[in-house]
Amino acid sequence: MKSVLRRKVRSTGAGVRKSQVRDTTVPPTARDAALAWFVKMRSGAAAPVEVVEFQRWIAAAAENRREYEALETLWGDLDQVGDPRRAMASAASRASVGLMSRRGLLLGATGVAAAVVAGVALGVPEWFDGGIRTGVGEQRQLTLADGSRVDLDADSALSLQFTPQERRLTLQRGRAFFDVAPDRARAFSVTAAGGVTTATGTQFSVHLWSNEVTVAVSESAVSIRAGAAALTQLRAGEAVSYDASGIGETEQVSDAQASAWRRGKLIFEDRPLRQVIADVNRYRSGTIMVTDNTLLRLRVSGIFDIRQPDGVLEAITRSLPVRSVALTRYLVLLYPA
């Protein structure tokens, strides 16, 4: 495994969105301190003097004890969580919306509970009405009725609606590569996070991650519409990302990099840690989450094997100012070193 991780911190154009589930009636300092102490106490690395400091902190205020005990209770519940791949498909459908909005954020006990409920509901490969899902670590190749080919990445969901007038698909989560069969009478469009990518015959990928969408073109060109913004032509060798605020700048990207996941690799070139976590979470059972939003803006470069997703986690903790602690077999927290 080859990896180079950078320590630069930049603010991204889209920014980092704050969770809406935080209970504002609890002082942030009490909650944040409780989480920091919880990580320290569970890591097994607490020195005797730190244990004494912890005891003083928890005795200093009733709210400190309440916040810490809430985390302890949650940890006990999480210890009973089973293998995510055995969860029911109906639960996966109900949880998918919550997962996309909360994954990668840990802003208190309520946020943890919501994210873990979503995380354990994944990994059930199955057909559903009008589309298909893949489970954690599972990839599939499909040939559609019009002859188009789709490669569906792990932990992804795609629905289809073909009519005599149009070929319309919706990427509900994850990533897919499309090799579109030409049909001048019917455009081929992929909707993801409110934006629409349209082509008649071409090869391109659509990647929905952390509430953003990245489109990369391997052959010919596509057009993109996201809200009031529009990009009339994205050509082969180019990629662009969009979110609710609009469409970003076009970037040059090699086909080898854009399609690496189809060959069992993850290639990151100066990408934010939040994107890396979103990718890695699709290949390993459970969920990686962070305790500090500033970590999500750390930049990462590297080449990793998707068959060894924990290798990415090891490289992150070895090369960035980040530490990890496993609260359960299926939940790993990242926190500032």
Protein backbone atom coordinates (compact mmCIF):
# COMPACT_ATOMS: atom_id res chain seq x y z
CA MET A 1 0.00 0.00 0.00
CA LYS A 2 1.37 3.37 -1.00
CA SER A 3 0.18 6.39 0.94
CA VAL A 4 1.18 10.00 1.47
CA LEU A 5 -0.98 12.10 3.75
CA ARG A 6 -0.70 15.86 4.07
CA ARG A 7 -1.11 17.91 7.20
CA LYS A 8 -2.49 21.03 5.55
CA VAL A 9 -5.86 22.31 6.72
CA ARG A 10 -7.97 24.27 4.26
CA SER A 11 -11.53 25.43 4.27
CA THR A 12 -13.48 23.93 1.37
CA GLY A 13 -15.86 25.84 -0.85
CA ALA A 14 -18.89 23.96 0.40
CA GLY A 15 -17.81 24.25 4.01
CA VAL A 16 -18.74 21.82 6.78
CA ARG A 17 -22.37 21.75 7.73
CA LYS A 18 -23.32 21.51 11.40
CA SER A 19 -25.69 18.83 12.63
CA GLN A 20 -29.25 19.87 13.39
CA VAL A 21 -29.68 17.27 16.16
CA ARG A 22 -27.59 18.98 18.82
CA ASP A 23 -29.46 19.78 22.04
CA THR A 24 -28.72 23.48 22.57
CA THR A 25 -30.03 23.37 26.14
CA VAL A 26 -26.79 21.65 27.22
CA PRO A 27 -23.70 23.88 27.36
CA PRO A 28 -21.36 22.87 24.52
CA THR A 29 -18.37 22.84 26.86
CA ALA A 30 -19.93 20.16 29.08
CA ARG A 31 -20.82 17.93 26.13
CA ASP A 32 -17.52 18.37 24.33
CA ALA A 33 -15.53 17.82 27.51
CA ALA A 34 -17.54 14.69 28.29
CA LEU A 35 -16.78 13.26 24.89
CA ALA A 36 -13.08 14.10 25.20
CA TRP A 37 -12.88 12.41 28.61
CA PHE A 38 -14.89 9.45 27.39
CA VAL A 39 -12.47 8.87 24.52
CA LYS A 40 -9.51 9.20 26.88
CA MET A 41 -10.92 6.83 29.52
CA ARG A 42 -11.91 4.18 26.94
CA SER A 43 -8.62 4.37 25.03
CA GLY A 44 -6.70 2.70 27.86
CA ALA A 45 -4.01 5.39 27.55
CA ALA A 46 -5.05 7.60 30.47
CA ALA A 47 -2.22 8.33 32.90
CA PRO A 48 -2.87 8.27 36.67
CA VAL A 49 -2.76 12.06 36.82
CA GLU A 50 -5.37 12.24 34.05
CA VAL A 51 -7.63 9.87 35.98
CA VAL A 52 -7.44 12.24 38.94
CA GLU A 53 -8.21 15.23 36.68
CA PHE A 54 -11.18 13.33 35.24
CA GLN A 55 -12.56 12.60 38.69
CA ARG A 56 -12.26 16.29 39.61
CA TRP A 57 -14.00 17.33 36.38
CA ILE A 58 -16.93 14.94 36.77
CA ALA A 59 -17.43 16.01 40.39
CA ALA A 60 -17.33 19.71 39.51
CA ALA A 61 -20.84 19.95 38.04
CA ALA A 62 -23.96 17.82 37.76
CA GLU A 63 -24.16 18.48 34.02
CA ASN A 64 -20.68 17.00 33.58
CA ARG A 65 -21.80 13.75 35.17
CA ARG A 66 -25.05 13.69 33.18
CA GLU A 67 -23.25 14.09 29.86
CA TYR A 68 -20.64 11.47 30.69
CA GLU A 69 -23.20 8.96 31.95
CA ALA A 70 -25.23 9.47 28.75
CA LEU A 71 -22.16 8.43 26.73
CA GLU A 72 -21.55 5.43 28.99
CA THR A 73 -25.16 4.30 28.55
CA LEU A 74 -24.90 4.69 24.81
CA TRP A 75 -21.63 2.76 24.74
CA GLY A 76 -23.27 -0.10 26.61
CA ASP A 77 -26.10 -0.17 24.07
CA LEU A 78 -23.70 -0.08 21.15
CA ASP A 79 -21.82 -3.06 22.51
CA GLN A 80 -24.89 -5.13 21.67
CA VAL A 81 -24.89 -4.04 18.01
CA GLY A 82 -24.66 -6.98 15.62
CA ASP A 83 -23.09 -7.38 12.20
CA PRO A 84 -24.45 -4.60 9.94
CA ARG A 85 -24.73 -7.01 7.01
CA ARG A 86 -27.49 -8.92 8.81
CA ALA A 87 -29.80 -5.94 9.17
CA MET A 88 -33.19 -5.99 7.49
CA ALA A 89 -33.58 -4.32 4.10
CA SER A 90 -36.56 -2.27 5.26
CA ALA A 91 -34.42 -0.73 7.98
CA ALA A 92 -31.83 0.20 5.37
CA SER A 93 -34.44 2.14 3.43
CA ARG A 94 -35.64 4.03 6.49
CA ALA A 95 -32.11 4.84 7.64
CA SER A 96 -30.51 5.93 4.37
CA VAL A 97 -31.66 9.58 4.57
CA GLY A 98 -30.39 9.98 8.13
CA LEU A 99 -27.09 8.36 7.25
CA MET A 100 -26.24 10.78 4.46
CA SER A 101 -26.85 13.80 6.67
CA ARG A 102 -25.07 12.61 9.83
CA ARG A 103 -22.22 10.34 8.80
CA GLY A 104 -18.87 11.85 9.71
CA LEU A 105 -20.22 14.06 12.51
CA LEU A 106 -20.29 13.36 16.25
CA LEU A 107 -21.92 16.24 18.08
CA GLY A 108 -23.28 14.60 21.21
CA ALA A 109 -25.02 11.44 22.36
CA THR A 110 -28.11 12.01 20.23
CA GLY A 111 -26.00 12.38 17.10
CA VAL A 112 -24.07 9.21 17.88
CA ALA A 113 -27.23 7.19 18.36
CA ALA A 114 -28.78 8.42 15.11
CA ALA A 115 -25.66 7.74 13.10
CA VAL A 116 -25.14 4.27 14.50
CA VAL A 117 -28.76 3.28 13.91
CA ALA A 118 -28.24 4.31 10.29
CA GLY A 119 -24.87 2.61 10.02
CA VAL A 120 -25.97 -0.81 11.27
CA ALA A 121 -28.80 -0.88 8.74
CA LEU A 122 -26.46 -1.05 5.75
CA GLY A 123 -24.95 -3.89 3.82
CA VAL A 124 -28.04 -5.69 2.52
CA PRO A 125 -27.65 -6.31 -1.21
CA GLU A 126 -31.02 -6.68 -2.87
CA TRP A 127 -33.29 -5.52 -5.63
CA PHE A 128 -35.99 -3.09 -4.61
CA ASP A 129 -38.90 -1.66 -6.57
CA GLY A 130 -37.39 -0.04 -9.66
CA GLY A 131 -33.72 -0.36 -8.68
CA ILE A 132 -30.90 -2.11 -6.89
CA ARG A 133 -28.76 -1.75 -3.77
CA THR A 134 -25.30 -3.04 -2.99
CA GLY A 135 -24.06 -3.90 0.47
CA VAL A 136 -20.92 -2.90 2.32
CA GLY A 137 -17.91 -4.03 0.30
CA GLU A 138 -20.05 -5.32 -2.58
CA GLN A 139 -19.83 -4.13 -6.20
CA ARG A 140 -22.13 -5.12 -9.08
CA GLN A 141 -22.24 -4.83 -12.85
CA LEU A 142 -25.61 -4.39 -14.54
CA THR A 143 -26.77 -4.33 -18.13
CA LEU A 144 -29.90 -2.22 -18.56
CA ALA A 145 -32.78 -2.83 -20.94
CA ASP A 146 -31.40 -0.29 -23.46
CA GLY A 147 -27.98 -1.94 -23.52
CA SER A 148 -26.31 0.59 -21.23
CA ARG A 149 -23.93 -0.83 -18.63
CA VAL A 150 -23.71 0.26 -15.00
CA ASP A 151 -20.97 -0.53 -12.46
CA LEU A 152 -22.42 0.05 -8.98
CA ASP A 153 -19.97 0.67 -6.16
CA ALA A 154 -20.26 -0.65 -2.60
CA ASP A 155 -23.03 0.61 -0.30
CA SER A 156 -24.85 2.28 -3.18
CA ALA A 157 -28.46 2.49 -4.31
CA LEU A 158 -29.75 3.26 -7.80
CA SER A 159 -33.34 3.45 -9.05
CA LEU A 160 -34.39 3.39 -12.71
CA GLN A 161 -37.32 4.73 -14.68
CA PHE A 162 -37.22 4.10 -18.43
CA THR A 163 -40.06 5.30 -20.67
CA PRO A 164 -40.42 5.75 -24.44
CA GLN A 165 -39.50 9.42 -23.90
CA GLU A 166 -36.59 9.25 -21.45
CA ARG A 167 -34.05 7.17 -19.59
CA ARG A 168 -33.96 8.49 -16.03
CA LEU A 169 -31.98 7.11 -13.10
CA THR A 170 -31.61 8.32 -9.52
CA LEU A 171 -28.47 7.69 -7.49
CA GLN A 172 -29.78 7.59 -3.94
CA ARG A 173 -26.39 6.98 -2.35
CA GLY A 174 -22.92 5.86 -3.26
CA ARG A 175 -21.26 5.83 -6.67
CA ALA A 176 -21.89 4.42 -10.13
CA PHE A 177 -20.16 4.34 -13.52
CA PHE A 178 -22.35 4.55 -16.62
CA ASP A 179 -21.44 3.29 -20.10
CA VAL A 180 -24.41 4.72 -21.98
CA ALA A 181 -25.83 3.11 -25.12
CA PRO A 182 -26.49 5.84 -27.74
CA ASP A 183 -30.14 6.76 -28.27
CA ARG A 184 -30.76 10.12 -29.94
CA ALA A 185 -34.46 9.95 -29.15
CA ARG A 186 -33.97 9.49 -25.41
CA ALA A 187 -31.43 11.33 -23.29
CA PHE A 188 -29.85 9.44 -20.39
CA SER A 189 -30.01 11.40 -17.12
CA VAL A 190 -28.81 10.67 -13.59
CA THR A 191 -30.27 12.61 -10.66
CA ALA A 192 -28.27 12.86 -7.42
CA ALA A 193 -28.78 15.28 -4.51
CA GLY A 194 -31.10 17.47 -6.56
CA GLY A 195 -28.72 17.87 -9.52
CA VAL A 196 -29.11 16.23 -12.94
CA THR A 197 -26.34 14.93 -15.22
CA THR A 198 -27.48 14.30 -18.80
CA ALA A 199 -25.90 12.48 -21.75
CA THR A 200 -27.02 10.76 -24.92
CA GLY A 201 -24.15 8.30 -25.31
CA THR A 202 -20.98 8.51 -23.20
CA GLN A 203 -19.07 7.14 -20.23
CA PHE A 204 -19.14 8.95 -16.90
CA SER A 205 -19.36 8.38 -13.16
CA VAL A 206 -21.52 10.02 -10.50
CA HIS A 207 -20.35 9.96 -6.88
CA LEU A 208 -22.65 11.06 -4.04
CA TRP A 209 -20.61 11.66 -0.89
CA SER A 210 -21.08 13.78 2.22
CA ASN A 211 -23.99 15.74 0.67
CA GLU A 212 -21.92 16.61 -2.40
CA VAL A 213 -21.84 15.06 -5.85
CA THR A 214 -18.79 14.62 -8.08
CA VAL A 215 -19.21 13.88 -11.80
CA ALA A 216 -16.23 12.64 -13.85
CA VAL A 217 -16.34 12.03 -17.60
CA SER A 218 -14.32 9.26 -19.25
CA GLU A 219 -15.62 9.58 -22.81
CA SER A 220 -17.49 12.25 -24.79
CA ALA A 221 -19.31 14.85 -22.64
CA VAL A 222 -22.27 15.49 -20.32
CA SER A 223 -24.24 18.51 -19.15
CA ILE A 224 -25.07 19.24 -15.50
CA ARG A 225 -27.83 21.22 -13.84
CA ALA A 226 -27.84 21.87 -10.08
CA GLY A 227 -30.44 24.30 -8.80
CA ALA A 228 -30.14 27.59 -10.69
CA ALA A 229 -26.62 26.70 -11.92
CA ALA A 230 -25.84 24.85 -15.14
CA LEU A 231 -22.74 23.50 -16.87
CA THR A 232 -23.42 22.97 -20.55
CA GLN A 233 -20.49 20.67 -21.23
CA LEU A 234 -18.17 18.60 -19.06
CA ARG A 235 -15.70 16.83 -21.34
CA ALA A 236 -13.67 13.64 -21.15
CA GLY A 237 -10.84 13.97 -18.63
CA GLU A 238 -12.75 16.53 -16.55
CA ALA A 239 -14.57 16.37 -13.22
CA VAL A 240 -16.71 18.78 -11.24
CA SER A 241 -18.51 18.76 -7.91
CA TYR A 242 -21.80 20.36 -6.94
CA ASP A 243 -23.98 20.74 -3.86
CA ALA A 244 -26.96 22.80 -2.77
CA SER A 245 -24.95 26.01 -3.18
CA GLY A 246 -24.11 25.42 -6.86
CA ILE A 247 -21.48 23.94 -9.16
CA GLY A 248 -17.76 24.15 -8.39
CA GLU A 249 -14.78 24.64 -10.67
CA THR A 250 -13.94 22.10 -13.36
CA GLU A 251 -10.86 20.01 -12.63
CA GLN A 252 -8.66 17.82 -14.79
CA VAL A 253 -8.76 14.15 -13.77
CA SER A 254 -7.27 11.08 -15.40
CA ASP A 255 -9.53 8.16 -16.22
CA ALA A 256 -7.20 5.93 -14.21
CA GLN A 257 -7.86 8.02 -11.11
CA ALA A 258 -11.59 8.46 -11.67
CA SER A 259 -12.21 4.76 -12.28
CA ALA A 260 -9.70 3.32 -9.80
CA TRP A 261 -12.47 2.01 -7.55
CA ARG A 262 -13.60 -0.29 -10.37
CA ARG A 263 -10.13 -1.89 -10.23
CA GLY A 264 -10.09 -2.31 -6.47
CA LYS A 265 -8.25 0.90 -5.56
CA LEU A 266 -9.06 4.19 -3.86
CA ILE A 267 -6.98 7.11 -5.14
CA PHE A 268 -7.11 10.42 -3.28
CA GLU A 269 -5.20 13.47 -4.47
CA ASP A 270 -5.37 16.33 -1.97
CA ARG A 271 -8.93 15.40 -0.97
CA PRO A 272 -10.66 16.44 2.29
CA LEU A 273 -10.74 13.84 5.03
CA ARG A 274 -14.55 13.94 5.05
CA GLN A 275 -14.58 12.54 1.50
CA VAL A 276 -12.04 9.88 2.42
CA ILE A 277 -14.15 8.79 5.40
CA ALA A 278 -17.29 8.69 3.26
CA ASP A 279 -15.50 6.41 0.79
CA VAL A 280 -13.91 4.10 3.35
CA ASN A 281 -17.17 3.68 5.26
CA ARG A 282 -18.62 1.95 2.20
CA TYR A 283 -16.02 -0.81 2.28
CA ARG A 284 -15.89 -1.74 5.96
CA SER A 285 -18.56 -3.03 8.35
CA GLY A 286 -19.55 -0.29 10.75
CA THR A 287 -18.87 3.43 10.71
CA ILE A 288 -15.90 5.77 11.17
CA MET A 289 -16.92 9.05 12.79
CA VAL A 290 -15.11 12.17 13.99
CA THR A 291 -15.37 14.20 17.18
CA ASP A 292 -14.08 17.51 15.79
CA ASN A 293 -15.26 19.13 12.56
CA THR A 294 -11.83 20.66 11.91
CA LEU A 295 -10.49 17.18 11.18
CA LEU A 296 -12.84 16.89 8.21
CA ARG A 297 -10.86 19.58 6.38
CA LEU A 298 -7.47 17.86 6.64
CA ARG A 299 -6.15 17.02 3.16
CA VAL A 300 -5.32 13.46 2.15
CA SER A 301 -3.36 11.99 -0.75
CA GLY A 302 -2.75 8.29 -1.23
CA ILE A 303 -3.48 5.04 -3.04
CA PHE A 304 -5.24 2.33 -1.07
CA ASP A 305 -6.65 -1.17 -1.62
CA ILE A 306 -10.43 -1.35 -1.09
CA ARG A 307 -10.02 -4.91 0.14
CA GLN A 308 -8.10 -3.50 3.13
CA PRO A 309 -10.15 -0.44 4.16
CA ASP A 310 -8.65 -0.38 7.64
CA GLY A 311 -5.32 0.36 5.97
CA VAL A 312 -6.66 3.84 5.19
CA LEU A 313 -7.60 4.30 8.83
CA GLU A 314 -4.15 3.20 9.94
CA ALA A 315 -2.47 5.60 7.51
CA ILE A 316 -4.63 8.49 8.71
CA THR A 317 -3.81 7.95 12.38
CA ARG A 318 -0.13 7.35 11.58
CA SER A 319 0.42 10.41 9.39
CA LEU A 320 -2.10 13.07 10.48
CA PRO A 321 -2.70 14.73 13.87
CA VAL A 322 -5.52 12.24 14.47
CA ARG A 323 -6.09 9.38 16.90
CA SER A 324 -8.71 6.64 16.88
CA VAL A 325 -10.61 4.60 19.44
CA ALA A 326 -12.97 1.69 18.78
CA LEU A 327 -16.05 2.08 20.97
CA THR A 328 -17.42 -1.18 19.61
CA ARG A 329 -16.50 -3.60 16.87
CA TYR A 330 -18.51 -1.48 14.42
CA LEU A 331 -17.92 2.10 15.61
CA VAL A 332 -14.56 3.90 15.41
CA LEU A 333 -14.10 7.50 16.54
CA LEU A 334 -11.42 9.83 15.21
CA TYR A 335 -10.33 12.67 17.48
CA PRO A 336 -7.53 15.28 17.52
CA ALA A 337 -4.14 13.98 18.60
